[in-house]
Amino acid sequence: MNKTETMPTDELTEEEESFSGKDYKEPPPVKIFEVRELKKWSFYRAVIAEFIATLLFLYVTVLTVIGFKSQTDAKSGGGACASVGLLGISWAFGGMIFILVYCTAGISGGHINPAVTFGLFLASKVSLVRAISYIVAQCLGATCGVGLVKIFQSTYYNRYGGGANVLADGYNVGVGVGAEIIGTFVLVYTVFSATDPKRNARDSHIPVLAPLPIGFSVFMVHLATIPITGTGINPARSFGAAVIYNKQKAWDDQWIFWVGPFVGAAIAAFYHQFVLRAGAMKAYGSVRSQLHELHA
């Protein structure tokens, strides 16, 4: 090669090649109607994992709630210092989510919450078939989990409210719905951030064990909203408790624990995908490029 010749512009050195393009893998969007999943054992295994995880979640957490109320009941000789307190209840919910997401993430994604499933569906992370199947499994698992609590704690179950979510006295419906929206936003936003594939990129210096921040988000939200709604942020948790407790107040307030979490999840999905990940700008750029090609 003489001095007048230059290297072709489409050939990159090894160093240049290593810095070109993305340094993380972005999974492709999932098709809305992915019926082929129904033919795979991995799909049914994931559904079973969601059922069992939600069952265990409700069993441990509702037992903790009932135990707290029985230990603080002054009529039975209890007191505030004799129980785990609201802090302990929050730890039970957050800790169980950490444990169960860690155990099931590699099988089902570790949703354990219809609101999380709904948010991931809106972001094209799961298909409609999988989303519906997960939500059904989660609600059934929650109902069975609370059913076990009633069997083992029949003496205290009805006396102390069955762990059902209801709007607390002194708060109006708007406050309750708002608390559920914001609380679920915090949870689902954390799920998106903790599982974002961009965290594997070169410029991300914070290694994250995803279940840990997700569990902590549940813990923190419970600290803030237990006095208002008992903290739902999980429609399956509220539904399962209402089915087994089956009192009018729990059913009257049930819509709050579906509307609030689903709205919060939708806002979190939009915020992460279209604002933080610039999904809107990417879509605009793609459309603009296609229009340019048509007019060329």
Protein backbone atom coordinates (compact mmCIF):
# COMPACT_ATOMS: atom_id res chain seq x y z
CA MET A 1 0.00 0.00 0.00
CA ASN A 2 1.53 3.36 -1.03
CA LYS A 3 1.14 6.67 0.70
CA THR A 4 -1.73 7.80 -1.55
CA GLU A 5 -3.88 4.80 -0.65
CA THR A 6 -6.15 4.81 2.38
CA MET A 7 -7.98 2.11 4.26
CA PRO A 8 -11.63 1.54 3.23
CA THR A 9 -14.00 3.44 5.47
CA ASP A 10 -16.12 0.35 6.15
CA GLU A 11 -13.26 -1.51 7.76
CA LEU A 12 -12.79 -0.85 11.46
CA THR A 13 -9.85 -1.61 13.65
CA GLU A 14 -10.37 -4.04 16.53
CA GLU A 15 -10.44 -1.16 19.00
CA GLU A 16 -12.95 0.83 16.94
CA GLU A 17 -15.15 -2.24 16.51
CA SER A 18 -15.27 -2.84 20.25
CA PHE A 19 -16.73 0.63 20.80
CA SER A 20 -19.23 0.56 17.93
CA GLY A 21 -22.95 -0.09 18.47
CA LYS A 22 -24.64 -1.09 21.69
CA ASP A 23 -22.65 -2.89 24.34
CA TYR A 24 -25.76 -4.59 25.74
CA LYS A 25 -28.47 -6.80 24.28
CA GLU A 26 -31.98 -5.42 23.97
CA PRO A 27 -34.52 -8.26 23.75
CA PRO A 28 -37.02 -7.80 20.89
CA PRO A 29 -40.64 -6.85 21.70
CA VAL A 30 -42.89 -9.83 22.39
CA LYS A 31 -45.84 -10.38 20.07
CA ILE A 32 -49.21 -9.58 21.65
CA PHE A 33 -50.84 -12.83 20.54
CA GLU A 34 -48.10 -15.43 21.01
CA VAL A 35 -50.30 -18.54 21.02
CA ARG A 36 -47.32 -20.81 20.37
CA GLU A 37 -46.51 -20.44 24.07
CA LEU A 38 -49.43 -22.70 24.88
CA LYS A 39 -47.55 -25.62 23.32
CA LYS A 40 -44.48 -25.21 25.53
CA TRP A 41 -43.91 -26.82 28.93
CA SER A 42 -41.82 -23.80 29.97
CA PHE A 43 -44.99 -21.67 29.76
CA TYR A 44 -46.98 -23.92 32.09
CA ARG A 45 -44.00 -24.24 34.43
CA ALA A 46 -43.90 -20.43 34.64
CA VAL A 47 -47.64 -20.24 35.38
CA ILE A 48 -47.26 -22.85 38.15
CA ALA A 49 -44.31 -20.89 39.57
CA GLU A 50 -46.45 -17.72 39.72
CA PHE A 51 -49.25 -19.62 41.46
CA ILE A 52 -46.98 -21.13 44.13
CA ALA A 53 -45.02 -17.91 44.68
CA THR A 54 -48.17 -15.85 45.21
CA LEU A 55 -49.59 -18.53 47.52
CA LEU A 56 -46.47 -18.42 49.69
CA PHE A 57 -46.42 -14.62 49.60
CA LEU A 58 -49.97 -14.31 50.93
CA TYR A 59 -49.55 -17.11 53.46
CA VAL A 60 -46.57 -15.50 55.18
CA THR A 61 -47.65 -11.87 54.93
CA VAL A 62 -51.29 -12.30 56.00
CA LEU A 63 -50.18 -14.46 58.93
CA THR A 64 -47.86 -11.61 59.93
CA VAL A 65 -50.70 -9.07 59.73
CA ILE A 66 -53.04 -11.20 61.85
CA GLY A 67 -50.27 -11.94 64.32
CA PHE A 68 -49.57 -8.22 64.67
CA LYS A 69 -53.23 -7.42 65.38
CA SER A 70 -53.63 -10.23 67.89
CA GLN A 71 -50.46 -9.23 69.75
CA THR A 72 -51.49 -5.57 69.96
CA ASP A 73 -55.08 -6.27 71.03
CA ALA A 74 -55.45 -4.62 74.43
CA LYS A 75 -58.52 -6.74 75.20
CA SER A 76 -56.34 -9.85 75.08
CA GLY A 77 -53.62 -8.32 77.21
CA GLY A 78 -51.43 -7.29 74.29
CA GLY A 79 -49.57 -4.05 73.68
CA ALA A 80 -47.67 -2.13 71.04
CA CYS A 81 -44.33 -3.43 72.30
CA ALA A 82 -45.44 -7.06 72.12
CA SER A 83 -45.60 -7.24 68.32
CA VAL A 84 -43.47 -6.83 65.23
CA GLY A 85 -45.15 -3.47 64.58
CA LEU A 86 -45.80 -1.81 61.22
CA LEU A 87 -42.08 -1.98 60.53
CA GLY A 88 -42.18 -5.76 60.90
CA ILE A 89 -45.19 -6.05 58.60
CA SER A 90 -43.40 -3.97 55.98
CA TRP A 91 -40.34 -6.19 56.28
CA ALA A 92 -42.51 -9.28 55.86
CA PHE A 93 -43.96 -8.02 52.58
CA GLY A 94 -40.68 -6.65 51.22
CA GLY A 95 -38.65 -9.63 52.40
CA MET A 96 -41.00 -12.17 50.87
CA ILE A 97 -40.97 -10.35 47.54
CA PHE A 98 -37.17 -10.36 47.61
CA ILE A 99 -37.07 -14.10 48.34
CA LEU A 100 -39.76 -15.11 45.85
CA VAL A 101 -38.56 -12.91 42.99
CA TYR A 102 -35.07 -14.33 43.53
CA CYS A 103 -36.45 -17.90 43.41
CA THR A 104 -38.76 -17.49 40.41
CA ALA A 105 -37.11 -14.83 38.24
CA GLY A 106 -35.39 -17.44 36.08
CA ILE A 107 -38.61 -19.39 35.57
CA SER A 108 -41.46 -16.91 35.20
CA GLY A 109 -39.79 -13.54 35.61
CA GLY A 110 -40.96 -13.36 39.23
CA HIS A 111 -43.98 -11.08 38.75
CA ILE A 112 -46.14 -12.26 41.71
CA ASN A 113 -48.38 -9.25 41.07
CA PRO A 114 -50.97 -8.55 38.34
CA ALA A 115 -49.93 -4.89 38.26
CA VAL A 116 -46.32 -5.86 37.46
CA THR A 117 -47.56 -8.26 34.79
CA PHE A 118 -49.80 -5.54 33.32
CA GLY A 119 -46.95 -3.02 33.22
CA LEU A 120 -44.62 -5.49 31.49
CA PHE A 121 -47.39 -6.36 29.02
CA LEU A 122 -47.80 -2.68 28.10
CA ALA A 123 -44.05 -2.51 27.51
CA SER A 124 -44.23 -5.57 25.20
CA LYS A 125 -42.21 -7.68 27.63
CA VAL A 126 -44.85 -10.42 27.87
CA SER A 127 -47.61 -11.57 25.52
CA LEU A 128 -51.33 -11.18 26.19
CA VAL A 129 -51.66 -14.95 26.60
CA ARG A 130 -48.93 -15.04 29.24
CA ALA A 131 -50.21 -11.90 30.98
CA ILE A 132 -53.76 -13.26 31.37
CA SER A 133 -52.48 -16.68 32.48
CA TYR A 134 -50.15 -15.09 35.05
CA ILE A 135 -52.90 -12.87 36.48
CA VAL A 136 -55.29 -15.81 36.84
CA ALA A 137 -52.58 -17.93 38.49
CA GLN A 138 -51.64 -15.08 40.84
CA CYS A 139 -55.24 -14.53 41.96
CA LEU A 140 -55.80 -18.25 42.50
CA GLY A 141 -52.50 -18.55 44.38
CA ALA A 142 -53.37 -15.59 46.59
CA THR A 143 -56.77 -17.06 47.40
CA CYS A 144 -55.26 -20.42 48.31
CA GLY A 145 -52.57 -18.76 50.42
CA VAL A 146 -55.12 -16.83 52.48
CA GLY A 147 -57.24 -19.98 52.69
CA LEU A 148 -54.35 -21.75 54.39
CA VAL A 149 -54.05 -18.86 56.84
CA LYS A 150 -57.73 -19.24 57.75
CA ILE A 151 -57.30 -22.99 58.26
CA PHE A 152 -54.27 -22.60 60.54
CA GLN A 153 -55.46 -19.45 62.38
CA SER A 154 -59.22 -20.00 62.45
CA THR A 155 -59.49 -18.54 65.96
CA TYR A 156 -57.96 -15.20 65.04
CA TYR A 157 -58.71 -14.93 61.32
CA ASN A 158 -62.18 -13.33 61.35
CA ARG A 159 -61.59 -11.54 64.64
CA TYR A 160 -58.69 -9.54 63.21
CA GLY A 161 -59.95 -8.77 59.73
CA GLY A 162 -58.49 -11.62 57.70
CA GLY A 163 -55.67 -9.44 56.37
CA ALA A 164 -58.14 -7.82 53.94
CA ASN A 165 -57.33 -4.46 52.37
CA VAL A 166 -59.88 -1.71 53.10
CA LEU A 167 -59.77 2.06 53.05
CA ALA A 168 -59.01 3.25 56.59
CA ASP A 169 -61.44 5.48 58.47
CA GLY A 170 -60.72 9.17 58.02
CA TYR A 171 -59.47 8.88 54.42
CA ASN A 172 -61.58 9.56 51.34
CA VAL A 173 -61.61 7.45 48.18
CA GLY A 174 -59.40 9.90 46.27
CA VAL A 175 -56.63 9.60 48.84
CA GLY A 176 -56.88 5.81 48.79
CA VAL A 177 -56.72 5.57 45.00
CA GLY A 178 -53.88 8.09 44.89
CA ALA A 179 -51.89 6.13 47.48
CA GLU A 180 -52.32 2.95 45.45
CA ILE A 181 -51.34 4.67 42.19
CA ILE A 182 -48.17 6.21 43.61
CA GLY A 183 -47.23 3.10 45.57
CA THR A 184 -47.60 0.86 42.52
CA PHE A 185 -45.72 3.37 40.38
CA VAL A 186 -42.76 3.11 42.76
CA LEU A 187 -42.85 -0.70 42.60
CA VAL A 188 -43.26 -1.09 38.83
CA TYR A 189 -40.76 1.69 38.08
CA THR A 190 -38.26 -0.18 40.26
CA VAL A 191 -39.00 -3.43 38.40
CA PHE A 192 -38.30 -1.76 35.04
CA SER A 193 -35.13 -0.10 36.30
CA ALA A 194 -33.74 -3.17 38.06
CA THR A 195 -34.31 -5.41 35.03
CA ASP A 196 -33.30 -2.90 32.36
CA PRO A 197 -30.84 -4.61 29.96
CA LYS A 198 -28.94 -1.34 29.69
CA ARG A 199 -27.58 -2.00 33.18
CA ASN A 200 -25.15 -4.37 31.47
CA ALA A 201 -23.79 -1.50 29.42
CA ARG A 202 -20.27 -0.17 29.80
CA ASP A 203 -21.45 3.11 31.32
CA SER A 204 -23.47 1.46 34.06
CA HIS A 205 -21.25 1.07 37.11
CA ILE A 206 -23.91 -0.13 39.57
CA PRO A 207 -24.24 -3.92 39.63
CA VAL A 208 -27.76 -4.79 40.80
CA LEU A 209 -29.29 -7.96 42.14
CA ALA A 210 -32.78 -7.19 40.79
CA PRO A 211 -34.86 -8.80 43.60
CA LEU A 212 -33.16 -6.62 46.22
CA PRO A 213 -34.36 -3.17 45.04
CA ILE A 214 -37.75 -4.65 44.13
CA GLY A 215 -38.16 -6.02 47.66
CA PHE A 216 -36.99 -2.72 49.16
CA SER A 217 -39.52 -0.78 47.08
CA VAL A 218 -42.33 -2.96 48.50
CA PHE A 219 -40.96 -2.42 52.01
CA MET A 220 -40.82 1.37 51.65
CA VAL A 221 -44.27 1.67 50.08
CA HIS A 222 -45.78 -0.35 52.92
CA LEU A 223 -44.28 2.00 55.49
CA ALA A 224 -46.02 4.91 53.78
CA THR A 225 -49.42 3.46 52.91
CA ILE A 226 -50.33 0.85 55.55
CA PRO A 227 -52.19 3.53 57.57
CA ILE A 228 -54.23 4.53 54.49
CA THR A 229 -55.23 1.35 52.66
CA GLY A 230 -53.31 -1.40 54.42
CA THR A 231 -51.18 -1.25 51.25
CA GLY A 232 -52.47 -3.13 48.26
CA ILE A 233 -50.23 -2.34 45.25
CA ASN A 234 -50.96 -5.95 44.28
CA PRO A 235 -54.50 -6.76 43.07
CA ALA A 236 -54.00 -10.49 43.67
CA ARG A 237 -53.10 -9.86 47.31
CA SER A 238 -56.24 -7.74 47.82
CA PHE A 239 -58.48 -10.10 45.82
CA GLY A 240 -57.36 -13.28 47.59
CA ALA A 241 -57.88 -11.73 51.02
CA ALA A 242 -61.32 -10.42 50.05
CA VAL A 243 -62.47 -13.79 48.68
CA ILE A 244 -61.63 -15.70 51.87
CA TYR A 245 -62.66 -12.96 54.33
CA ASN A 246 -65.81 -12.24 52.28
CA LYS A 247 -67.12 -9.20 54.17
CA GLN A 248 -69.00 -6.30 52.59
CA LYS A 249 -66.42 -3.61 53.36
CA ALA A 250 -63.63 -5.60 51.67
CA TRP A 251 -65.74 -5.98 48.51
CA ASP A 252 -66.95 -2.36 48.52
CA ASP A 253 -63.35 -1.11 48.48
CA GLN A 254 -62.03 -3.82 46.15
CA TRP A 255 -62.09 -1.63 43.03
CA ILE A 256 -59.57 0.74 44.64
CA PHE A 257 -57.03 -2.09 44.75
CA TRP A 258 -57.42 -2.83 41.05
CA VAL A 259 -57.82 0.61 39.51
CA GLY A 260 -55.03 2.22 41.55
CA PRO A 261 -52.35 -0.44 40.88
CA PHE A 262 -53.20 -0.78 37.17
CA VAL A 263 -53.07 2.99 36.63
CA GLY A 264 -49.80 3.23 38.57
CA ALA A 265 -48.31 0.38 36.54
CA ALA A 266 -49.36 1.99 33.25
CA ILE A 267 -47.78 5.31 34.23
CA ALA A 268 -44.55 3.57 35.29
CA ALA A 269 -44.39 1.64 32.00
CA PHE A 270 -44.91 4.82 29.98
CA TYR A 271 -42.39 6.80 32.01
CA HIS A 272 -39.64 4.19 31.76
CA GLN A 273 -40.15 3.15 28.15
CA PHE A 274 -40.98 6.49 26.52
CA VAL A 275 -39.21 9.03 28.72
CA LEU A 276 -36.18 7.36 30.28
CA ARG A 277 -35.53 4.98 27.38
CA ALA A 278 -36.62 7.56 24.79
CA GLY A 279 -39.10 5.16 23.18
CA ALA A 280 -41.14 8.03 21.77
CA MET A 281 -38.11 9.60 20.10
CA LYS A 282 -37.03 6.25 18.66
CA ALA A 283 -40.50 5.65 17.25
CA TYR A 284 -40.54 9.18 15.81
CA GLY A 285 -37.11 8.65 14.27
CA SER A 286 -38.20 5.35 12.73
CA VAL A 287 -41.34 6.88 11.18
CA ARG A 288 -39.39 9.90 9.91
CA SER A 289 -36.80 7.65 8.31
CA GLN A 290 -39.47 5.58 6.57
CA LEU A 291 -41.19 8.71 5.27
CA HIS A 292 -37.86 10.00 4.00
CA GLU A 293 -37.28 6.74 2.10
CA LEU A 294 -40.74 6.97 0.51
CA HIS A 295 -40.10 10.50 -0.75
CA ALA A 296 -36.56 9.75 -1.94
